[in-house]
């Protein structure tokens, strides 16, 4: 108990945010969420935020068993947020049977996060192929060396064989490499502030448009 209390005290004493935090004028926010997401992403990149494209994604099986992991945001267009993965892996299996996901981007340096919940669908095959071929050859080899998330066996031999396969056929793309689109139903923008605890603006899809709502902390 004393160890737990000591850790609790240490955790509470930690500084949460350092430096200046950006302001968030919710009244000037656009009518739709994805333009604001692009604005915040560009702001994070320009400010030198570490890995601003790192994005947590939560999926769930048909039995309701949740799973969460961090991967890379690949793009944002007018309608969707993009990521890529193997459809044969755990994420792909979840999405195939329960095509919904929750995403979270967190930029500690700016005291910002964006939460997205929506439906998931595969994008065009050409986008999947272009995404895979843009990866470093070592990353491509790792993706095809063995079944994702299965127990590891003879790693070096498997990766060496995969590297050779990539070298022999630089245009090879596995059939299960998939660029996925997450089409939002809700998007929440969260901004820490010094004077007040936090500011939360949620966009909620309603028909063909969006409803904007300020939320209590």
C-alpha atoms as a PDB file:
ATOM      1  CA  UNK A   1       0.000   0.000   0.000  1.00  0.00           C
ATOM      2  CA  UNK A   2       2.801   2.411   0.849  1.00  0.00           C
ATOM      3  CA  UNK A   3       4.453   1.788  -2.525  1.00  0.00           C
ATOM      4  CA  UNK A   4       1.145   2.453  -4.275  1.00  0.00           C
ATOM      5  CA  UNK A   5       0.585   5.647  -2.292  1.00  0.00           C
ATOM      6  CA  UNK A   6       4.113   6.799  -3.061  1.00  0.00           C
ATOM      7  CA  UNK A   7       3.591   6.244  -6.775  1.00  0.00           C
ATOM      8  CA  UNK A   8       0.228   8.004  -6.616  1.00  0.00           C
ATOM      9  CA  UNK A   9       1.908  11.020  -5.008  1.00  0.00           C
ATOM     10  CA  UNK A  10       4.684  11.074  -7.580  1.00  0.00           C
ATOM     11  CA  UNK A  11       2.238  10.838 -10.457  1.00  0.00           C
ATOM     12  CA  UNK A  12       0.122  13.703  -9.131  1.00  0.00           C
ATOM     13  CA  UNK A  13       3.232  15.858  -8.751  1.00  0.00           C
ATOM     14  CA  UNK A  14       4.269  15.513 -12.384  1.00  0.00           C
ATOM     15  CA  UNK A  15       4.019  18.587 -14.602  1.00  0.00           C
ATOM     16  CA  UNK A  16       1.405  17.955 -17.263  1.00  0.00           C
ATOM     17  CA  UNK A  17       2.183  20.587 -19.897  1.00  0.00           C
ATOM     18  CA  UNK A  18       5.230  22.794 -20.327  1.00  0.00           C
ATOM     19  CA  UNK A  19       5.729  25.979 -22.288  1.00  0.00           C
ATOM     20  CA  UNK A  20       3.144  28.013 -24.125  1.00  0.00           C
ATOM     21  CA  UNK A  21      -0.058  26.366 -25.276  1.00  0.00           C
ATOM     22  CA  UNK A  22      -1.870  27.387 -28.475  1.00  0.00           C
ATOM     23  CA  UNK A  23      -5.257  29.034 -28.197  1.00  0.00           C
ATOM     24  CA  UNK A  24      -8.455  27.481 -29.514  1.00  0.00           C
ATOM     25  CA  UNK A  25     -11.130  29.873 -30.715  1.00  0.00           C
ATOM     26  CA  UNK A  26     -14.092  27.531 -30.969  1.00  0.00           C
ATOM     27  CA  UNK A  27     -16.303  30.276 -32.426  1.00  0.00           C
ATOM     28  CA  UNK A  28     -13.982  30.519 -35.436  1.00  0.00           C
ATOM     29  CA  UNK A  29     -13.993  26.754 -36.048  1.00  0.00           C
ATOM     30  CA  UNK A  30     -15.154  25.656 -39.524  1.00  0.00           C
ATOM     31  CA  UNK A  31     -18.508  24.026 -40.191  1.00  0.00           C
ATOM     32  CA  UNK A  32     -16.920  20.587 -40.753  1.00  0.00           C
ATOM     33  CA  UNK A  33     -14.266  18.827 -38.653  1.00  0.00           C
ATOM     34  CA  UNK A  34     -11.717  17.543 -41.154  1.00  0.00           C
ATOM     35  CA  UNK A  35     -10.510  20.991 -42.311  1.00  0.00           C
ATOM     36  CA  UNK A  36      -9.859  21.787 -38.643  1.00  0.00           C
ATOM     37  CA  UNK A  37      -7.997  18.495 -38.232  1.00  0.00           C
ATOM     38  CA  UNK A  38      -5.757  19.424 -41.178  1.00  0.00           C
ATOM     39  CA  UNK A  39      -5.172  22.856 -39.620  1.00  0.00           C
ATOM     40  CA  UNK A  40      -4.186  21.305 -36.280  1.00  0.00           C
ATOM     41  CA  UNK A  41      -1.954  18.729 -37.983  1.00  0.00           C
ATOM     42  CA  UNK A  42      -0.112  21.403 -39.931  1.00  0.00           C
ATOM     43  CA  UNK A  43       0.229  23.417 -36.742  1.00  0.00           C
ATOM     44  CA  UNK A  44       1.727  20.434 -34.933  1.00  0.00           C
ATOM     45  CA  UNK A  45       4.172  19.778 -37.779  1.00  0.00           C
ATOM     46  CA  UNK A  46       5.214  23.439 -37.952  1.00  0.00           C
ATOM     47  CA  UNK A  47       5.694  23.542 -34.168  1.00  0.00           C
ATOM     48  CA  UNK A  48       8.039  20.540 -34.233  1.00  0.00           C
ATOM     49  CA  UNK A  49       5.766  18.190 -32.304  1.00  0.00           C
ATOM     50  CA  UNK A  50       7.382  14.749 -32.051  1.00  0.00           C
ATOM     51  CA  UNK A  51       5.611  12.231 -34.283  1.00  0.00           C
ATOM     52  CA  UNK A  52       2.477  14.302 -34.932  1.00  0.00           C
ATOM     53  CA  UNK A  53       1.253  11.530 -37.243  1.00  0.00           C
ATOM     54  CA  UNK A  54       1.221   8.906 -34.464  1.00  0.00           C
ATOM     55  CA  UNK A  55      -2.387   7.794 -34.012  1.00  0.00           C
ATOM     56  CA  UNK A  56      -3.954   5.306 -31.634  1.00  0.00           C
ATOM     57  CA  UNK A  57      -6.673   3.138 -33.160  1.00  0.00           C
ATOM     58  CA  UNK A  58      -9.114   1.020 -31.203  1.00  0.00           C
ATOM     59  CA  UNK A  59     -11.134  -1.751 -32.829  1.00  0.00           C
ATOM     60  CA  UNK A  60     -13.391  -4.428 -31.396  1.00  0.00           C
ATOM     61  CA  UNK A  61     -14.363  -7.946 -32.330  1.00  0.00           C
ATOM     62  CA  UNK A  62     -17.940  -9.047 -32.883  1.00  0.00           C
ATOM     63  CA  UNK A  63     -17.846 -10.310 -29.287  1.00  0.00           C
ATOM     64  CA  UNK A  64     -16.990  -6.802 -28.092  1.00  0.00           C
ATOM     65  CA  UNK A  65     -13.372  -7.548 -27.165  1.00  0.00           C
ATOM     66  CA  UNK A  66     -11.468  -4.259 -27.617  1.00  0.00           C
ATOM     67  CA  UNK A  67      -7.948  -3.854 -28.954  1.00  0.00           C
ATOM     68  CA  UNK A  68      -5.842  -0.699 -29.145  1.00  0.00           C
ATOM     69  CA  UNK A  69      -2.531   0.109 -30.793  1.00  0.00           C
ATOM     70  CA  UNK A  70      -0.631   3.076 -32.243  1.00  0.00           C
ATOM     71  CA  UNK A  71       0.127   3.407 -35.950  1.00  0.00           C
ATOM     72  CA  UNK A  72       0.722   6.219 -38.431  1.00  0.00           C
ATOM     73  CA  UNK A  73      -1.879   8.537 -39.908  1.00  0.00           C
ATOM     74  CA  UNK A  74      -1.386   8.471 -43.673  1.00  0.00           C
ATOM     75  CA  UNK A  75      -3.680  11.188 -45.007  1.00  0.00           C
ATOM     76  CA  UNK A  76      -6.783  13.312 -44.445  1.00  0.00           C
ATOM     77  CA  UNK A  77      -9.083  14.129 -47.346  1.00  0.00           C
ATOM     78  CA  UNK A  78     -12.489  15.789 -47.594  1.00  0.00           C
ATOM     79  CA  UNK A  79     -14.323  12.766 -46.222  1.00  0.00           C
ATOM     80  CA  UNK A  80     -11.981  10.483 -44.304  1.00  0.00           C
ATOM     81  CA  UNK A  81      -8.856   9.823 -42.265  1.00  0.00           C
ATOM     82  CA  UNK A  82      -6.488   7.208 -43.696  1.00  0.00           C
ATOM     83  CA  UNK A  83      -4.245   4.503 -42.269  1.00  0.00           C
ATOM     84  CA  UNK A  84      -2.762   1.334 -43.752  1.00  0.00           C
ATOM     85  CA  UNK A  85      -2.308  -2.192 -42.473  1.00  0.00           C
ATOM     86  CA  UNK A  86      -2.556  -5.856 -43.367  1.00  0.00           C
ATOM     87  CA  UNK A  87      -6.157  -6.985 -43.688  1.00  0.00           C
ATOM     88  CA  UNK A  88      -5.004 -10.436 -42.543  1.00  0.00           C
ATOM     89  CA  UNK A  89      -3.858  -9.123 -39.144  1.00  0.00           C
ATOM     90  CA  UNK A  90      -5.858  -8.542 -35.960  1.00  0.00           C
ATOM     91  CA  UNK A  91      -6.990  -5.050 -37.009  1.00  0.00           C
ATOM     92  CA  UNK A  92      -8.111  -6.378 -40.362  1.00  0.00           C
ATOM     93  CA  UNK A  93     -10.075  -9.223 -38.789  1.00  0.00           C
ATOM     94  CA  UNK A  94     -11.822  -6.811 -36.411  1.00  0.00           C
ATOM     95  CA  UNK A  95     -12.641  -4.383 -39.199  1.00  0.00           C
ATOM     96  CA  UNK A  96     -13.945  -7.125 -41.485  1.00  0.00           C
ATOM     97  CA  UNK A  97     -16.539  -8.174 -38.920  1.00  0.00           C
ATOM     98  CA  UNK A  98     -17.106  -4.881 -37.077  1.00  0.00           C
ATOM     99  CA  UNK A  99     -16.203  -2.018 -39.453  1.00  0.00           C
ATOM    100  CA  UNK A 100     -15.906   0.754 -36.877  1.00  0.00           C
ATOM    101  CA  UNK A 101     -12.926   2.290 -35.099  1.00  0.00           C
ATOM    102  CA  UNK A 102     -12.001   4.957 -32.564  1.00  0.00           C
ATOM    103  CA  UNK A 103      -8.916   7.064 -33.272  1.00  0.00           C
ATOM    104  CA  UNK A 104      -6.901   9.365 -31.049  1.00  0.00           C
ATOM    105  CA  UNK A 105      -4.136  11.815 -31.923  1.00  0.00           C
ATOM    106  CA  UNK A 106      -2.306  13.383 -28.961  1.00  0.00           C
ATOM    107  CA  UNK A 107       0.173  16.247 -29.189  1.00  0.00           C
ATOM    108  CA  UNK A 108       1.621  16.611 -25.709  1.00  0.00           C
ATOM    109  CA  UNK A 109       3.718  19.661 -26.561  1.00  0.00           C
ATOM    110  CA  UNK A 110       0.587  21.598 -27.493  1.00  0.00           C
ATOM    111  CA  UNK A 111      -1.833  20.144 -24.964  1.00  0.00           C
ATOM    112  CA  UNK A 112      -4.038  18.935 -27.785  1.00  0.00           C
ATOM    113  CA  UNK A 113      -5.798  15.769 -28.784  1.00  0.00           C
ATOM    114  CA  UNK A 114      -8.327  14.790 -31.418  1.00  0.00           C
ATOM    115  CA  UNK A 115     -10.752  11.908 -30.952  1.00  0.00           C
ATOM    116  CA  UNK A 116     -12.500  10.372 -33.947  1.00  0.00           C
ATOM    117  CA  UNK A 117     -15.140   7.651 -34.078  1.00  0.00           C
ATOM    118  CA  UNK A 118     -16.424   6.345 -37.378  1.00  0.00           C
ATOM    119  CA  UNK A 119     -16.905   3.545 -39.842  1.00  0.00           C
ATOM    120  CA  UNK A 120     -13.988   1.946 -41.665  1.00  0.00           C
ATOM    121  CA  UNK A 121     -13.792   0.853 -45.278  1.00  0.00           C
ATOM    122  CA  UNK A 122     -10.976  -0.178 -47.633  1.00  0.00           C
ATOM    123  CA  UNK A 123      -9.792   2.482 -50.029  1.00  0.00           C
ATOM    124  CA  UNK A 124      -9.014   1.959 -53.730  1.00  0.00           C
ATOM    125  CA  UNK A 125      -6.478  -0.759 -54.489  1.00  0.00           C
ATOM    126  CA  UNK A 126      -4.223   1.738 -56.260  1.00  0.00           C
ATOM    127  CA  UNK A 127      -3.876   3.735 -53.030  1.00  0.00           C
ATOM    128  CA  UNK A 128      -2.969   0.590 -51.084  1.00  0.00           C
ATOM    129  CA  UNK A 129      -0.306  -0.325 -53.617  1.00  0.00           C
ATOM    130  CA  UNK A 130       1.172   3.175 -53.687  1.00  0.00           C
ATOM    131  CA  UNK A 131       1.301   3.245 -49.897  1.00  0.00           C
ATOM    132  CA  UNK A 132       3.131  -0.074 -49.662  1.00  0.00           C
ATOM    133  CA  UNK A 133       5.654   0.820 -52.361  1.00  0.00           C
ATOM    134  CA  UNK A 134       6.408   4.123 -50.613  1.00  0.00           C
ATOM    135  CA  UNK A 135       7.615   2.230 -47.533  1.00  0.00           C
ATOM    136  CA  UNK A 136      11.314   1.570 -46.965  1.00  0.00           C
ATOM    137  CA  UNK A 137      12.359  -1.832 -48.371  1.00  0.00           C
ATOM    138  CA  UNK A 138      13.100  -3.067 -44.842  1.00  0.00           C
ATOM    139  CA  UNK A 139       9.594  -2.084 -43.740  1.00  0.00           C
ATOM    140  CA  UNK A 140       8.115  -3.867 -46.746  1.00  0.00           C
ATOM    141  CA  UNK A 141      10.152  -6.967 -45.946  1.00  0.00           C
ATOM    142  CA  UNK A 142       8.998  -6.908 -42.324  1.00  0.00           C
ATOM    143  CA  UNK A 143       5.374  -6.681 -43.419  1.00  0.00           C
ATOM    144  CA  UNK A 144       5.559  -9.832 -45.552  1.00  0.00           C
ATOM    145  CA  UNK A 145       8.067 -11.895 -43.534  1.00  0.00           C
ATOM    146  CA  UNK A 146       5.484 -13.574 -41.322  1.00  0.00           C
ATOM    147  CA  UNK A 147       1.853 -13.466 -40.169  1.00  0.00           C
ATOM    148  CA  UNK A 148       1.190 -10.275 -38.218  1.00  0.00           C
ATOM    149  CA  UNK A 149       0.965 -10.672 -34.412  1.00  0.00           C
ATOM    150  CA  UNK A 150       1.592 -14.432 -34.535  1.00  0.00           C
ATOM    151  CA  UNK A 151       4.397 -16.008 -32.458  1.00  0.00           C
ATOM    152  CA  UNK A 152       7.835 -15.215 -33.882  1.00  0.00           C
ATOM    153  CA  UNK A 153       9.893 -18.064 -35.292  1.00  0.00           C
ATOM    154  CA  UNK A 154      13.322 -17.872 -36.999  1.00  0.00           C
ATOM    155  CA  UNK A 155      13.105 -14.123 -37.505  1.00  0.00           C
ATOM    156  CA  UNK A 156      16.392 -13.577 -39.332  1.00  0.00           C
ATOM    157  CA  UNK A 157      15.787 -16.278 -41.940  1.00  0.00           C
ATOM    158  CA  UNK A 158      12.233 -15.084 -42.588  1.00  0.00           C
ATOM    159  CA  UNK A 159      13.230 -11.437 -42.943  1.00  0.00           C
ATOM    160  CA  UNK A 160      16.207 -12.287 -45.146  1.00  0.00           C
ATOM    161  CA  UNK A 161      13.925 -14.267 -47.449  1.00  0.00           C
ATOM    162  CA  UNK A 162      11.444 -11.375 -47.529  1.00  0.00           C
ATOM    163  CA  UNK A 163      14.215  -8.874 -48.338  1.00  0.00           C
ATOM    164  CA  UNK A 164      15.311 -11.086 -51.214  1.00  0.00           C
ATOM    165  CA  UNK A 165      11.750 -11.269 -52.474  1.00  0.00           C
ATOM    166  CA  UNK A 166      11.503  -7.476 -52.430  1.00  0.00           C
ATOM    167  CA  UNK A 167      14.875  -7.167 -54.158  1.00  0.00           C
ATOM    168  CA  UNK A 168      13.845  -9.609 -56.881  1.00  0.00           C
ATOM    169  CA  UNK A 169      10.497  -7.888 -57.415  1.00  0.00           C
ATOM    170  CA  UNK A 170      10.605  -4.243 -56.244  1.00  0.00           C
ATOM    171  CA  UNK A 171       6.994  -3.697 -57.364  1.00  0.00           C
ATOM    172  CA  UNK A 172       5.603  -6.551 -55.262  1.00  0.00           C
ATOM    173  CA  UNK A 173       2.628  -5.643 -53.070  1.00  0.00           C
ATOM    174  CA  UNK A 174       0.897  -8.282 -50.919  1.00  0.00           C
ATOM    175  CA  UNK A 175      -2.785  -8.741 -51.654  1.00  0.00           C
ATOM    176  CA  UNK A 176      -3.719  -8.063 -48.043  1.00  0.00           C
ATOM    177  CA  UNK A 177      -1.947  -4.704 -47.718  1.00  0.00           C
ATOM    178  CA  UNK A 178      -4.836  -2.267 -47.384  1.00  0.00           C
ATOM    179  CA  UNK A 179      -5.243   1.478 -47.163  1.00  0.00           C
ATOM    180  CA  UNK A 180      -8.260   2.054 -44.926  1.00  0.00           C
ATOM    181  CA  UNK A 181     -10.550   5.077 -44.730  1.00  0.00           C
ATOM    182  CA  UNK A 182     -12.194   6.071 -41.455  1.00  0.00           C
ATOM    183  CA  UNK A 183     -15.313   8.112 -42.227  1.00  0.00           C
ATOM    184  CA  UNK A 184     -16.105  10.055 -39.046  1.00  0.00           C
ATOM    185  CA  UNK A 185     -19.396  10.099 -37.209  1.00  0.00           C
ATOM    186  CA  UNK A 186     -17.983  12.215 -34.367  1.00  0.00           C
ATOM    187  CA  UNK A 187     -14.792  14.248 -34.060  1.00  0.00           C
ATOM    188  CA  UNK A 188     -13.752  15.929 -30.809  1.00  0.00           C
ATOM    189  CA  UNK A 189     -11.052  18.591 -30.518  1.00  0.00           C
ATOM    190  CA  UNK A 190      -9.544  18.879 -27.037  1.00  0.00           C
ATOM    191  CA  UNK A 191      -7.334  21.778 -25.970  1.00  0.00           C
ATOM    192  CA  UNK A 192      -5.696  22.245 -22.568  1.00  0.00           C
ATOM    193  CA  UNK A 193      -5.684  25.797 -21.226  1.00  0.00           C
ATOM    194  CA  UNK A 194      -3.972  27.502 -18.312  1.00  0.00           C
ATOM    195  CA  UNK A 195      -6.932  29.593 -17.160  1.00  0.00           C
ATOM    196  CA  UNK A 196      -9.473  26.778 -17.410  1.00  0.00           C
ATOM    197  CA  UNK A 197      -8.995  23.048 -17.339  1.00  0.00           C
ATOM    198  CA  UNK A 198      -9.734  22.277 -20.982  1.00  0.00           C
ATOM    199  CA  UNK A 199     -11.826  23.243 -23.988  1.00  0.00           C
ATOM    200  CA  UNK A 200     -13.711  20.520 -25.856  1.00  0.00           C
ATOM    201  CA  UNK A 201     -15.462  20.973 -29.178  1.00  0.00           C
ATOM    202  CA  UNK A 202     -17.307  18.017 -30.672  1.00  0.00           C
ATOM    203  CA  UNK A 203     -18.601  17.667 -34.212  1.00  0.00           C
ATOM    204  CA  UNK A 204     -21.460  15.208 -34.530  1.00  0.00           C
ATOM    205  CA  UNK A 205     -22.713  14.052 -37.912  1.00  0.00           C
ATOM    206  CA  UNK A 206     -26.394  14.795 -38.501  1.00  0.00           C
ATOM    207  CA  UNK A 207     -27.779  13.992 -41.930  1.00  0.00           C
ATOM    208  CA  UNK A 208     -25.537  15.560 -44.550  1.00  0.00           C
ATOM    209  CA  UNK A 209     -24.049  18.086 -42.150  1.00  0.00           C
ATOM    210  CA  UNK A 210     -22.461  18.515 -38.751  1.00  0.00           C
ATOM    211  CA  UNK A 211     -23.621  19.743 -35.361  1.00  0.00           C
ATOM    212  CA  UNK A 212     -20.995  21.554 -33.251  1.00  0.00           C
ATOM    213  CA  UNK A 213     -21.196  21.192 -29.477  1.00  0.00           C
ATOM    214  CA  UNK A 214     -19.042  22.512 -26.643  1.00  0.00           C
ATOM    215  CA  UNK A 215     -18.614  19.837 -23.958  1.00  0.00           C
ATOM    216  CA  UNK A 216     -18.092  20.041 -20.231  1.00  0.00           C
ATOM    217  CA  UNK A 217     -14.598  18.920 -19.136  1.00  0.00           C
END
